[in-house]
Amino acid sequence: MDWPLQDAKNQFSKVVQKARAEGPQVVTLRGERAAVVLSAADYDALRAGRPTLVDDLLSGPAWNDALAETVTQRATRPSRDVPF
């Protein structure tokens, strides 16, 4: 169901109830789709199985030996004097 923004604001609890009972509720702004209200179950179903940012970062390409050696051999002190 489509809800004009003002109606969705005034009847938010009804929008949420309908999202839980009937499925996603579309909120429109000046006649155009602006947002969708989902039940928590629908949201969880959308997110299921998707990798997180951490998963994406950890699944990146492996470092070759030369890169790993360069990183571990870099200076551990700043290259310039830093006042304390």
Protein backbone atom coordinates (compact mmCIF):
# COMPACT_ATOMS: atom_id res chain seq x y z
CA MET A 1 0.00 0.00 0.00
CA ASP A 2 1.18 3.55 -0.71
CA TRP A 3 1.12 6.12 2.07
CA PRO A 4 1.58 9.83 1.45
CA LEU A 5 4.24 11.05 3.88
CA GLN A 6 1.85 13.14 5.98
CA ASP A 7 -0.54 10.18 6.39
CA ALA A 8 2.35 7.86 7.26
CA LYS A 9 3.54 10.32 9.93
CA ASN A 10 0.06 10.69 11.41
CA GLN A 11 -0.67 6.95 11.39
CA PHE A 12 2.78 5.48 11.87
CA SER A 13 1.64 2.71 14.20
CA LYS A 14 -0.88 1.62 11.56
CA VAL A 15 1.84 1.66 8.88
CA VAL A 16 4.00 -0.58 11.08
CA GLN A 17 1.10 -2.93 11.84
CA LYS A 18 0.32 -3.26 8.12
CA ALA A 19 3.99 -3.87 7.33
CA ARG A 20 3.99 -6.72 9.82
CA ALA A 21 0.67 -8.19 8.64
CA GLU A 22 0.59 -7.43 4.91
CA GLY A 23 4.16 -6.76 3.84
CA PRO A 24 6.18 -3.71 2.84
CA GLN A 25 4.45 -0.32 2.96
CA VAL A 26 5.56 2.38 0.52
CA VAL A 27 5.79 5.99 1.71
CA THR A 28 5.51 8.61 -1.03
CA LEU A 29 6.71 12.18 -1.13
CA ARG A 30 4.99 14.41 -3.68
CA GLY A 31 3.66 11.31 -5.40
CA GLU A 32 7.05 9.57 -5.76
CA ARG A 33 8.30 6.58 -3.79
CA ALA A 34 10.50 7.88 -0.97
CA ALA A 35 10.78 5.05 1.54
CA VAL A 36 9.59 1.56 2.35
CA VAL A 37 8.60 0.37 5.82
CA LEU A 38 9.41 -3.31 6.35
CA SER A 39 8.69 -5.69 9.18
CA ALA A 40 11.73 -6.84 11.10
CA ALA A 41 11.21 -10.35 9.68
CA ASP A 42 11.24 -9.04 6.10
CA TYR A 43 14.36 -6.99 6.81
CA ASP A 44 16.13 -9.98 8.38
CA ALA A 45 15.24 -12.11 5.35
CA LEU A 46 16.77 -9.49 3.06
CA ARG A 47 19.99 -9.35 5.10
CA ALA A 48 20.36 -13.13 5.52
CA GLY A 49 23.36 -14.60 3.81
CA ARG A 50 24.84 -11.24 2.79
CA PRO A 51 28.45 -10.74 3.80
CA THR A 52 29.34 -7.94 6.17
CA LEU A 53 32.01 -5.36 5.48
CA VAL A 54 34.39 -7.35 7.66
CA ASP A 55 33.68 -10.49 5.63
CA ASP A 56 34.41 -8.57 2.41
CA LEU A 57 37.68 -7.20 3.76
CA LEU A 58 38.86 -10.54 5.08
CA SER A 59 38.05 -12.32 1.82
CA GLY A 60 40.28 -10.01 -0.22
CA PRO A 61 43.29 -11.25 -2.16
CA ALA A 62 46.10 -12.83 -0.18
CA TRP A 63 49.32 -10.89 0.19
CA ASN A 64 52.21 -12.30 -1.76
CA ASP A 65 55.46 -12.96 0.10
CA ALA A 66 57.22 -9.84 -1.18
CA LEU A 67 54.43 -7.51 -0.01
CA ALA A 68 54.19 -9.21 3.38
CA GLU A 69 57.95 -8.88 3.86
CA THR A 70 57.94 -5.20 2.87
CA VAL A 71 55.17 -4.42 5.33
CA THR A 72 56.83 -6.24 8.22
CA GLN A 73 60.23 -4.63 7.54
CA ARG A 74 58.99 -1.05 7.45
CA ALA A 75 60.30 1.33 10.09
CA THR A 76 58.39 1.22 13.35
CA ARG A 77 59.36 4.79 14.23
CA PRO A 78 58.05 7.91 12.50
CA SER A 79 60.20 9.11 9.59
CA ARG A 80 60.32 12.58 11.15
CA ASP A 81 60.62 13.90 14.66
CA VAL A 82 57.28 14.28 16.35
CA PRO A 83 57.21 16.65 19.34
CA PHE A 84 55.53 15.31 22.45
